[in-house]
Amino acid sequence: MPAPLPLRVFDAPADLGDALAREIADGIVAAAAAGVRYVLGCPGGRSPKPVYDALAEQVAARGLDLRHVVIAMMDEYVVAGPDGYTDIDHTAHNSCHRFAAEEIVAPLNAAAGPGRGIPADAVWFPDPADPEAYDTRLADAGGIDLFILASGATDGHIAFNPPGAPRDSRSRVVELPDSTRRDNLGTFPDYASLDEVPRHGVTVGVHTIVSRSRRAVMVVHGEHKREAVRRLGAAGDYDPAWPATLVVTCERPSLYVDRAAAPSPDTNRVAADAR
């Protein structure tokens, strides 16, 4: 049975982001010294944004070279065609490829400076034409040094793994339930209605995340995520009804939350004890 999930509570999302960004920056430095790649698992969306913003600050302040860094993304929206599923337009407002390019890589590379940024071929995504090849690619890379994770607010989806996702699921194309699609209305505010949210996505699997992560940190902030914190804090094992609970079965897991998401004073006390 997995141990209770280590918990830290921060005053604000920026404080959460700064703490995790410092750990990631330390890992980038250590990998460079060892002459190996540093593979960072990244979700899109609002939850990890404070981490990405703080990491760009760390890169600039510490003069980090990022040429050995790999960004391993989790998912992308797809559409059905005559020859199977394909990614949505990578320049679309709701594209995870666009998010990675504009919200993660561009700020990091600007902070690193010319010739010291993340190479274009070091930003990885699962391919809907051959999703399971992503699992092989991550395994061949030696796994993910640190996987930043985020939980859906209303259904606990992680990447595009919906409620009911099997523990042994690999990277694959999935149908997105309306609960996940509604959550993503807030993630991509240019949606005019639920009808515009795609109904399918390609995603890393539950097993992919758990088996390939050497460190996993779930980041949760905002009052609307209190139920997510409650469910994650109470989990003793993977619960397919709330897929984000997979974090408790990961190697070296942690739950980082802000005070707005912390459901009770008891949560704050436990967090203080865990520091």
C-alpha atoms as a PDB file:
ATOM      1  CA  MET A   1       0.000   0.000   0.000  1.00  0.00           C
ATOM      2  CA  PRO A   2       1.459   3.425  -0.943  1.00  0.00           C
ATOM      3  CA  ALA A   3       2.460   5.773   1.888  1.00  0.00           C
ATOM      4  CA  PRO A   4       0.391   8.935   2.541  1.00  0.00           C
ATOM      5  CA  LEU A   5       1.040  11.611  -0.069  1.00  0.00           C
ATOM      6  CA  PRO A   6       3.579  14.199   1.206  1.00  0.00           C
ATOM      7  CA  LEU A   7       1.881  17.590   1.260  1.00  0.00           C
ATOM      8  CA  ARG A   8       3.110  21.178   1.209  1.00  0.00           C
ATOM      9  CA  VAL A   9       0.861  24.237   1.425  1.00  0.00           C
ATOM     10  CA  PHE A  10       2.032  27.606   0.088  1.00  0.00           C
ATOM     11  CA  ASP A  11       0.577  31.055   0.611  1.00  0.00           C
ATOM     12  CA  ALA A  12       0.044  31.672  -3.108  1.00  0.00           C
ATOM     13  CA  PRO A  13       0.481  29.948  -6.492  1.00  0.00           C
ATOM     14  CA  ALA A  14       3.618  32.006  -7.147  1.00  0.00           C
ATOM     15  CA  ASP A  15       5.240  30.602  -4.007  1.00  0.00           C
ATOM     16  CA  LEU A  16       4.340  27.069  -5.087  1.00  0.00           C
ATOM     17  CA  GLY A  17       5.779  27.728  -8.523  1.00  0.00           C
ATOM     18  CA  ASP A  18       8.996  29.156  -7.132  1.00  0.00           C
ATOM     19  CA  ALA A  19       9.642  26.175  -4.855  1.00  0.00           C
ATOM     20  CA  LEU A  20       9.134  23.612  -7.603  1.00  0.00           C
ATOM     21  CA  ALA A  21      11.030  25.665 -10.185  1.00  0.00           C
ATOM     22  CA  ARG A  22      14.069  25.763  -7.902  1.00  0.00           C
ATOM     23  CA  GLU A  23      14.007  21.973  -7.623  1.00  0.00           C
ATOM     24  CA  ILE A  24      13.721  21.609 -11.398  1.00  0.00           C
ATOM     25  CA  ALA A  25      16.560  24.075 -11.955  1.00  0.00           C
ATOM     26  CA  ASP A  26      18.738  22.099  -9.545  1.00  0.00           C
ATOM     27  CA  GLY A  27      17.949  18.962 -11.551  1.00  0.00           C
ATOM     28  CA  ILE A  28      18.864  20.687 -14.816  1.00  0.00           C
ATOM     29  CA  VAL A  29      22.216  21.715 -13.345  1.00  0.00           C
ATOM     30  CA  ALA A  30      22.899  18.225 -12.001  1.00  0.00           C
ATOM     31  CA  ALA A  31      22.057  16.597 -15.351  1.00  0.00           C
ATOM     32  CA  ALA A  32      24.390  18.982 -17.179  1.00  0.00           C
ATOM     33  CA  ALA A  33      27.208  18.157 -14.777  1.00  0.00           C
ATOM     34  CA  ALA A  34      26.617  14.445 -15.395  1.00  0.00           C
ATOM     35  CA  GLY A  35      26.479  14.915 -19.171  1.00  0.00           C
ATOM     36  CA  VAL A  36      22.948  13.521 -19.511  1.00  0.00           C
ATOM     37  CA  ARG A  37      19.555  14.806 -20.617  1.00  0.00           C
ATOM     38  CA  TYR A  38      17.034  16.243 -18.185  1.00  0.00           C
ATOM     39  CA  VAL A  39      13.507  15.151 -19.122  1.00  0.00           C
ATOM     40  CA  LEU A  40      10.731  17.310 -17.686  1.00  0.00           C
ATOM     41  CA  GLY A  41       7.151  16.021 -17.916  1.00  0.00           C
ATOM     42  CA  CYS A  42       4.767  18.896 -18.568  1.00  0.00           C
ATOM     43  CA  PRO A  43       1.005  19.376 -18.693  1.00  0.00           C
ATOM     44  CA  GLY A  44      -0.624  22.281 -20.434  1.00  0.00           C
ATOM     45  CA  GLY A  45      -3.169  24.569 -18.790  1.00  0.00           C
ATOM     46  CA  ARG A  46      -3.491  26.890 -15.834  1.00  0.00           C
ATOM     47  CA  SER A  47      -2.210  24.736 -12.982  1.00  0.00           C
ATOM     48  CA  PRO A  48       1.471  24.521 -14.006  1.00  0.00           C
ATOM     49  CA  LYS A  49       1.751  28.108 -15.256  1.00  0.00           C
ATOM     50  CA  PRO A  50       3.245  29.447 -11.986  1.00  0.00           C
ATOM     51  CA  VAL A  51       5.911  26.751 -12.246  1.00  0.00           C
ATOM     52  CA  TYR A  52       6.793  27.614 -15.840  1.00  0.00           C
ATOM     53  CA  ASP A  53       6.912  31.336 -15.059  1.00  0.00           C
ATOM     54  CA  ALA A  54       9.184  30.779 -12.057  1.00  0.00           C
ATOM     55  CA  LEU A  55      11.397  28.356 -13.984  1.00  0.00           C
ATOM     56  CA  ALA A  56      12.055  31.016 -16.637  1.00  0.00           C
ATOM     57  CA  GLU A  57      13.121  33.336 -13.807  1.00  0.00           C
ATOM     58  CA  GLN A  58      15.447  30.659 -12.445  1.00  0.00           C
ATOM     59  CA  VAL A  59      16.976  30.068 -15.878  1.00  0.00           C
ATOM     60  CA  ALA A  60      17.692  33.782 -16.305  1.00  0.00           C
ATOM     61  CA  ALA A  61      18.973  34.308 -12.759  1.00  0.00           C
ATOM     62  CA  ARG A  62      21.251  31.263 -12.806  1.00  0.00           C
ATOM     63  CA  GLY A  63      22.352  31.518 -16.435  1.00  0.00           C
ATOM     64  CA  LEU A  64      21.234  27.982 -17.215  1.00  0.00           C
ATOM     65  CA  ASP A  65      21.988  26.258 -20.499  1.00  0.00           C
ATOM     66  CA  LEU A  66      18.943  24.249 -21.633  1.00  0.00           C
ATOM     67  CA  ARG A  67      20.337  22.421 -24.640  1.00  0.00           C
ATOM     68  CA  HIS A  68      20.179  19.103 -22.751  1.00  0.00           C
ATOM     69  CA  VAL A  69      16.562  19.603 -21.586  1.00  0.00           C
ATOM     70  CA  VAL A  70      13.645  17.631 -23.046  1.00  0.00           C
ATOM     71  CA  ILE A  71      10.034  18.746 -22.593  1.00  0.00           C
ATOM     72  CA  ALA A  72       7.752  15.687 -22.561  1.00  0.00           C
ATOM     73  CA  MET A  73       4.172  16.856 -23.012  1.00  0.00           C
ATOM     74  CA  MET A  74       1.156  14.825 -21.943  1.00  0.00           C
ATOM     75  CA  ASP A  75      -1.573  15.166 -24.540  1.00  0.00           C
ATOM     76  CA  GLU A  76      -3.180  16.895 -27.507  1.00  0.00           C
ATOM     77  CA  TYR A  77      -6.674  17.260 -28.925  1.00  0.00           C
ATOM     78  CA  VAL A  78      -7.308  15.134 -31.995  1.00  0.00           C
ATOM     79  CA  VAL A  79      -9.962  14.871 -34.679  1.00  0.00           C
ATOM     80  CA  ALA A  80     -11.164  11.846 -36.616  1.00  0.00           C
ATOM     81  CA  GLY A  81     -10.462  11.617 -40.334  1.00  0.00           C
ATOM     82  CA  PRO A  82     -10.678   9.009 -43.075  1.00  0.00           C
ATOM     83  CA  ASP A  83      -7.273   7.606 -42.117  1.00  0.00           C
ATOM     84  CA  GLY A  84      -7.694   7.750 -38.352  1.00  0.00           C
ATOM     85  CA  TYR A  85      -7.073  10.431 -35.742  1.00  0.00           C
ATOM     86  CA  THR A  86      -4.825  13.434 -36.320  1.00  0.00           C
ATOM     87  CA  ASP A  87      -3.805  16.380 -34.148  1.00  0.00           C
ATOM     88  CA  ILE A  88      -5.811  19.559 -34.313  1.00  0.00           C
ATOM     89  CA  ASP A  89      -4.085  22.529 -35.939  1.00  0.00           C
ATOM     90  CA  HIS A  90      -0.950  23.181 -33.869  1.00  0.00           C
ATOM     91  CA  THR A  91      -1.503  26.941 -34.105  1.00  0.00           C
ATOM     92  CA  ALA A  92      -5.069  26.789 -32.737  1.00  0.00           C
ATOM     93  CA  HIS A  93      -5.826  28.543 -29.464  1.00  0.00           C
ATOM     94  CA  ASN A  94      -6.600  25.202 -27.786  1.00  0.00           C
ATOM     95  CA  SER A  95      -3.610  23.281 -29.138  1.00  0.00           C
ATOM     96  CA  CYS A  96      -1.252  21.812 -26.562  1.00  0.00           C
ATOM     97  CA  HIS A  97       1.505  22.150 -29.175  1.00  0.00           C
ATOM     98  CA  ARG A  98       0.830  25.896 -29.268  1.00  0.00           C
ATOM     99  CA  PHE A  99       0.786  26.039 -25.470  1.00  0.00           C
ATOM    100  CA  ALA A 100       4.122  24.244 -25.233  1.00  0.00           C
ATOM    101  CA  ALA A 101       5.724  26.497 -27.835  1.00  0.00           C
ATOM    102  CA  GLU A 102       4.400  29.807 -26.510  1.00  0.00           C
ATOM    103  CA  GLU A 103       3.928  29.269 -22.765  1.00  0.00           C
ATOM    104  CA  ILE A 104       6.792  26.898 -21.915  1.00  0.00           C
ATOM    105  CA  VAL A 105       9.574  26.805 -24.490  1.00  0.00           C
ATOM    106  CA  ALA A 106       9.612  30.423 -25.720  1.00  0.00           C
ATOM    107  CA  PRO A 107       9.964  31.990 -22.246  1.00  0.00           C
ATOM    108  CA  LEU A 108      12.577  29.422 -21.193  1.00  0.00           C
ATOM    109  CA  ASN A 109      14.617  29.918 -24.350  1.00  0.00           C
ATOM    110  CA  ALA A 110      14.412  33.685 -24.066  1.00  0.00           C
ATOM    111  CA  ALA A 111      15.704  33.375 -20.499  1.00  0.00           C
ATOM    112  CA  ALA A 112      18.518  31.044 -21.549  1.00  0.00           C
ATOM    113  CA  GLY A 113      19.679  33.261 -24.402  1.00  0.00           C
ATOM    114  CA  PRO A 114      20.640  32.596 -28.031  1.00  0.00           C
ATOM    115  CA  GLY A 115      22.091  29.164 -28.749  1.00  0.00           C
ATOM    116  CA  ARG A 116      21.373  27.897 -25.226  1.00  0.00           C
ATOM    117  CA  GLY A 117      17.700  27.002 -25.447  1.00  0.00           C
ATOM    118  CA  ILE A 118      15.694  23.787 -25.711  1.00  0.00           C
ATOM    119  CA  PRO A 119      16.115  22.317 -29.215  1.00  0.00           C
ATOM    120  CA  ALA A 120      13.006  22.132 -31.393  1.00  0.00           C
ATOM    121  CA  ASP A 121      13.269  18.333 -31.595  1.00  0.00           C
ATOM    122  CA  ALA A 122      13.399  18.066 -27.796  1.00  0.00           C
ATOM    123  CA  VAL A 123       9.701  18.901 -27.344  1.00  0.00           C
ATOM    124  CA  TRP A 124       7.867  15.580 -27.400  1.00  0.00           C
ATOM    125  CA  PHE A 125       4.199  14.649 -27.784  1.00  0.00           C
ATOM    126  CA  PRO A 126       2.311  11.384 -28.145  1.00  0.00           C
ATOM    127  CA  ASP A 127       1.390  10.747 -31.776  1.00  0.00           C
ATOM    128  CA  PRO A 128      -2.238   9.713 -32.413  1.00  0.00           C
ATOM    129  CA  ALA A 129      -1.048   7.594 -35.356  1.00  0.00           C
ATOM    130  CA  ASP A 130       1.093   5.466 -33.013  1.00  0.00           C
ATOM    131  CA  PRO A 131       0.413   6.433 -29.389  1.00  0.00           C
ATOM    132  CA  GLU A 132       2.214   3.514 -27.771  1.00  0.00           C
ATOM    133  CA  ALA A 133       5.463   4.554 -29.443  1.00  0.00           C
ATOM    134  CA  TYR A 134       5.512   7.412 -26.918  1.00  0.00           C
ATOM    135  CA  ASP A 135       5.824   4.966 -24.049  1.00  0.00           C
ATOM    136  CA  THR A 136       8.780   3.369 -25.798  1.00  0.00           C
ATOM    137  CA  ARG A 137      10.380   6.750 -26.443  1.00  0.00           C
ATOM    138  CA  LEU A 138      10.113   7.726 -22.789  1.00  0.00           C
ATOM    139  CA  ALA A 139      11.512   4.368 -21.704  1.00  0.00           C
ATOM    140  CA  ASP A 140      14.419   4.672 -24.132  1.00  0.00           C
ATOM    141  CA  ALA A 141      15.146   8.142 -22.730  1.00  0.00           C
ATOM    142  CA  GLY A 142      15.540   6.619 -19.283  1.00  0.00           C
ATOM    143  CA  GLY A 143      12.242   7.953 -17.993  1.00  0.00           C
ATOM    144  CA  ILE A 144      11.098  11.374 -16.837  1.00  0.00           C
ATOM    145  CA  ASP A 145      13.243  13.090 -14.217  1.00  0.00           C
ATOM    146  CA  LEU A 146      10.334  15.080 -12.804  1.00  0.00           C
ATOM    147  CA  PHE A 147       6.728  14.997 -13.933  1.00  0.00           C
ATOM    148  CA  ILE A 148       4.616  18.057 -13.113  1.00  0.00           C
ATOM    149  CA  LEU A 149       1.047  16.832 -12.729  1.00  0.00           C
ATOM    150  CA  ALA A 150      -2.343  18.549 -12.490  1.00  0.00           C
ATOM    151  CA  SER A 151      -5.835  17.356 -11.584  1.00  0.00           C
ATOM    152  CA  GLY A 152      -9.119  18.171 -13.242  1.00  0.00           C
ATOM    153  CA  ALA A 153     -11.327  20.194 -10.900  1.00  0.00           C
ATOM    154  CA  THR A 154     -14.595  18.308 -11.288  1.00  0.00           C
ATOM    155  CA  ASP A 155     -13.669  14.775 -12.366  1.00  0.00           C
ATOM    156  CA  GLY A 156     -10.008  14.291 -11.440  1.00  0.00           C
ATOM    157  CA  HIS A 157      -8.855  13.712 -15.009  1.00  0.00           C
ATOM    158  CA  ILE A 158      -5.091  13.760 -15.504  1.00  0.00           C
ATOM    159  CA  ALA A 159      -3.779  14.587 -18.946  1.00  0.00           C
ATOM    160  CA  PHE A 160      -6.770  13.257 -20.927  1.00  0.00           C
ATOM    161  CA  ASN A 161      -7.208  10.127 -18.798  1.00  0.00           C
ATOM    162  CA  PRO A 162     -10.927  10.229 -17.902  1.00  0.00           C
ATOM    163  CA  PRO A 163     -12.666   8.741 -14.859  1.00  0.00           C
ATOM    164  CA  GLY A 164     -12.507   4.978 -15.186  1.00  0.00           C
ATOM    165  CA  ALA A 165      -9.060   4.987 -16.812  1.00  0.00           C
ATOM    166  CA  PRO A 166      -7.414   1.617 -16.105  1.00  0.00           C
ATOM    167  CA  ARG A 167      -4.319   1.468 -13.931  1.00  0.00           C
ATOM    168  CA  ASP A 168      -2.452  -0.330 -16.728  1.00  0.00           C
ATOM    169  CA  SER A 169      -3.405   2.109 -19.508  1.00  0.00           C
ATOM    170  CA  ARG A 170      -0.688   3.221 -21.917  1.00  0.00           C
ATOM    171  CA  SER A 171      -0.579   6.183 -24.286  1.00  0.00           C
ATOM    172  CA  ARG A 172      -3.673   6.074 -26.476  1.00  0.00           C
ATOM    173  CA  VAL A 173      -6.526   8.039 -28.074  1.00  0.00           C
ATOM    174  CA  VAL A 174      -9.492   8.492 -25.733  1.00  0.00           C
ATOM    175  CA  GLU A 175     -13.003   9.910 -25.920  1.00  0.00           C
ATOM    176  CA  LEU A 176     -13.310  12.932 -23.641  1.00  0.00           C
ATOM    177  CA  PRO A 177     -16.277  12.990 -21.250  1.00  0.00           C
ATOM    178  CA  ASP A 178     -18.291  16.188 -20.958  1.00  0.00           C
ATOM    179  CA  SER A 179     -16.924  16.734 -17.437  1.00  0.00           C
ATOM    180  CA  THR A 180     -13.369  17.006 -18.793  1.00  0.00           C
ATOM    181  CA  ARG A 181     -14.500  19.128 -21.716  1.00  0.00           C
ATOM    182  CA  ARG A 182     -16.258  21.539 -19.330  1.00  0.00           C
ATOM    183  CA  ASP A 183     -13.111  21.841 -17.199  1.00  0.00           C
ATOM    184  CA  ASN A 184     -11.211  22.766 -20.343  1.00  0.00           C
ATOM    185  CA  LEU A 185     -13.531  25.668 -21.082  1.00  0.00           C
ATOM    186  CA  GLY A 186     -11.602  27.478 -18.362  1.00  0.00           C
ATOM    187  CA  THR A 187      -8.233  26.219 -19.541  1.00  0.00           C
ATOM    188  CA  PHE A 188      -8.752  27.684 -23.011  1.00  0.00           C
ATOM    189  CA  PRO A 189     -10.894  30.816 -22.549  1.00  0.00           C
ATOM    190  CA  ASP A 190     -11.306  31.420 -26.294  1.00  0.00           C
ATOM    191  CA  TYR A 191     -13.879  28.650 -26.449  1.00  0.00           C
ATOM    192  CA  ALA A 192     -17.319  30.141 -27.065  1.00  0.00           C
ATOM    193  CA  SER A 193     -19.214  27.053 -25.892  1.00  0.00           C
ATOM    194  CA  LEU A 194     -18.848  23.410 -24.945  1.00  0.00           C
ATOM    195  CA  ASP A 195     -19.717  22.460 -28.527  1.00  0.00           C
ATOM    196  CA  GLU A 196     -16.333  23.816 -29.659  1.00  0.00           C
ATOM    197  CA  VAL A 197     -14.308  21.550 -27.341  1.00  0.00           C
ATOM    198  CA  PRO A 198     -12.997  18.493 -29.233  1.00  0.00           C
ATOM    199  CA  ARG A 199     -14.373  15.120 -28.195  1.00  0.00           C
ATOM    200  CA  HIS A 200     -11.152  13.127 -28.457  1.00  0.00           C
ATOM    201  CA  GLY A 201      -7.556  13.459 -27.379  1.00  0.00           C
ATOM    202  CA  VAL A 202      -4.299  11.527 -27.470  1.00  0.00           C
ATOM    203  CA  THR A 203      -2.824  11.111 -24.006  1.00  0.00           C
ATOM    204  CA  VAL A 204      -0.147   9.451 -21.949  1.00  0.00           C
ATOM    205  CA  GLY A 205      -1.635   6.617 -19.921  1.00  0.00           C
ATOM    206  CA  VAL A 206      -1.884   6.067 -16.186  1.00  0.00           C
ATOM    207  CA  HIS A 207       0.787   3.373 -16.364  1.00  0.00           C
ATOM    208  CA  THR A 208       2.932   5.630 -18.566  1.00  0.00           C
ATOM    209  CA  ILE A 209       3.064   8.346 -15.926  1.00  0.00           C
ATOM    210  CA  VAL A 210       3.570   6.037 -12.968  1.00  0.00           C
ATOM    211  CA  SER A 211       6.157   3.769 -14.548  1.00  0.00           C
ATOM    212  CA  ARG A 212       8.239   6.445 -16.268  1.00  0.00           C
ATOM    213  CA  SER A 213       8.423   9.133 -13.547  1.00  0.00           C
ATOM    214  CA  ARG A 214      11.370   9.258 -11.164  1.00  0.00           C
ATOM    215  CA  ARG A 215       9.698  12.127  -9.298  1.00  0.00           C
ATOM    216  CA  ALA A 216       6.104  13.382  -9.516  1.00  0.00           C
ATOM    217  CA  VAL A 217       4.666  16.601  -8.101  1.00  0.00           C
ATOM    218  CA  MET A 218       0.939  17.323  -8.283  1.00  0.00           C
ATOM    219  CA  VAL A 219       0.272  21.079  -8.309  1.00  0.00           C
ATOM    220  CA  VAL A 220      -3.177  22.290  -7.259  1.00  0.00           C
ATOM    221  CA  HIS A 221      -4.230  25.855  -6.544  1.00  0.00           C
ATOM    222  CA  GLY A 222      -7.396  27.915  -6.344  1.00  0.00           C
ATOM    223  CA  GLU A 223     -10.544  27.539  -4.282  1.00  0.00           C
ATOM    224  CA  HIS A 224     -12.224  25.639  -7.136  1.00  0.00           C
ATOM    225  CA  LYS A 225      -9.678  22.830  -6.626  1.00  0.00           C
ATOM    226  CA  ARG A 226     -10.532  22.088  -2.972  1.00  0.00           C
ATOM    227  CA  GLU A 227     -12.323  18.892  -3.857  1.00  0.00           C
ATOM    228  CA  ALA A 228      -9.291  17.761  -5.845  1.00  0.00           C
ATOM    229  CA  VAL A 229      -7.055  18.334  -2.819  1.00  0.00           C
ATOM    230  CA  ARG A 230      -9.469  16.450  -0.586  1.00  0.00           C
ATOM    231  CA  ARG A 231      -9.610  13.483  -2.939  1.00  0.00           C
ATOM    232  CA  LEU A 232      -5.860  13.403  -3.444  1.00  0.00           C
ATOM    233  CA  GLY A 233      -5.100  13.738   0.254  1.00  0.00           C
ATOM    234  CA  ALA A 234      -7.479  10.918   1.150  1.00  0.00           C
ATOM    235  CA  ALA A 235      -6.219   8.495  -1.503  1.00  0.00           C
ATOM    236  CA  GLY A 236      -4.403   5.417  -0.303  1.00  0.00           C
ATOM    237  CA  ASP A 237      -4.013   3.936  -3.767  1.00  0.00           C
ATOM    238  CA  TYR A 238      -4.999   4.602  -7.352  1.00  0.00           C
ATOM    239  CA  ASP A 239      -8.740   5.284  -7.611  1.00  0.00           C
ATOM    240  CA  PRO A 240      -9.993   5.143 -11.224  1.00  0.00           C
ATOM    241  CA  ALA A 241     -12.969   7.310 -10.235  1.00  0.00           C
ATOM    242  CA  TRP A 242     -10.433  10.159  -9.731  1.00  0.00           C
ATOM    243  CA  PRO A 243      -7.494   9.364 -12.056  1.00  0.00           C
ATOM    244  CA  ALA A 244      -5.216  12.057 -10.608  1.00  0.00           C
ATOM    245  CA  THR A 245      -4.847   9.785  -7.570  1.00  0.00           C
ATOM    246  CA  LEU A 246      -2.248   7.932  -9.633  1.00  0.00           C
ATOM    247  CA  VAL A 247       0.257  10.329  -8.046  1.00  0.00           C
ATOM    248  CA  VAL A 248       0.192   8.331  -4.803  1.00  0.00           C
ATOM    249  CA  THR A 249       1.624   5.339  -6.677  1.00  0.00           C
ATOM    250  CA  CYS A 250       4.421   7.328  -8.349  1.00  0.00           C
ATOM    251  CA  GLU A 251       8.022   7.285  -7.214  1.00  0.00           C
ATOM    252  CA  ARG A 252       8.858  10.168  -4.822  1.00  0.00           C
ATOM    253  CA  PRO A 253       5.447  11.890  -5.075  1.00  0.00           C
ATOM    254  CA  SER A 254       4.387  15.199  -3.538  1.00  0.00           C
ATOM    255  CA  LEU A 255       1.256  17.340  -3.465  1.00  0.00           C
ATOM    256  CA  TYR A 256       1.856  21.108  -3.652  1.00  0.00           C
ATOM    257  CA  VAL A 257      -1.194  23.309  -2.985  1.00  0.00           C
ATOM    258  CA  ASP A 258      -1.915  26.940  -2.166  1.00  0.00           C
ATOM    259  CA  ARG A 259      -3.958  28.009   0.849  1.00  0.00           C
ATOM    260  CA  ALA A 260      -7.008  28.751  -1.280  1.00  0.00           C
ATOM    261  CA  ALA A 261      -7.128  25.082  -2.302  1.00  0.00           C
ATOM    262  CA  ALA A 262      -6.392  23.724   1.170  1.00  0.00           C
ATOM    263  CA  PRO A 263      -9.742  22.427   2.442  1.00  0.00           C
ATOM    264  CA  SER A 264      -9.237  22.863   6.196  1.00  0.00           C
ATOM    265  CA  PRO A 265      -6.901  24.129   8.937  1.00  0.00           C
ATOM    266  CA  ASP A 266      -5.889  20.493   9.466  1.00  0.00           C
ATOM    267  CA  THR A 267      -4.469  20.459   5.956  1.00  0.00           C
ATOM    268  CA  ASN A 268      -2.279  23.453   6.793  1.00  0.00           C
ATOM    269  CA  ARG A 269      -1.047  21.740   9.947  1.00  0.00           C
ATOM    270  CA  VAL A 270      -0.099  18.573   8.081  1.00  0.00           C
ATOM    271  CA  ALA A 271       1.698  20.647   5.478  1.00  0.00           C
ATOM    272  CA  ALA A 272       3.723  22.458   8.100  1.00  0.00           C
ATOM    273  CA  ASP A 273       4.757  19.140   9.596  1.00  0.00           C
ATOM    274  CA  ALA A 274       5.846  17.900   6.169  1.00  0.00           C
ATOM    275  CA  ARG A 275       8.256  20.761   5.440  1.00  0.00           C
END
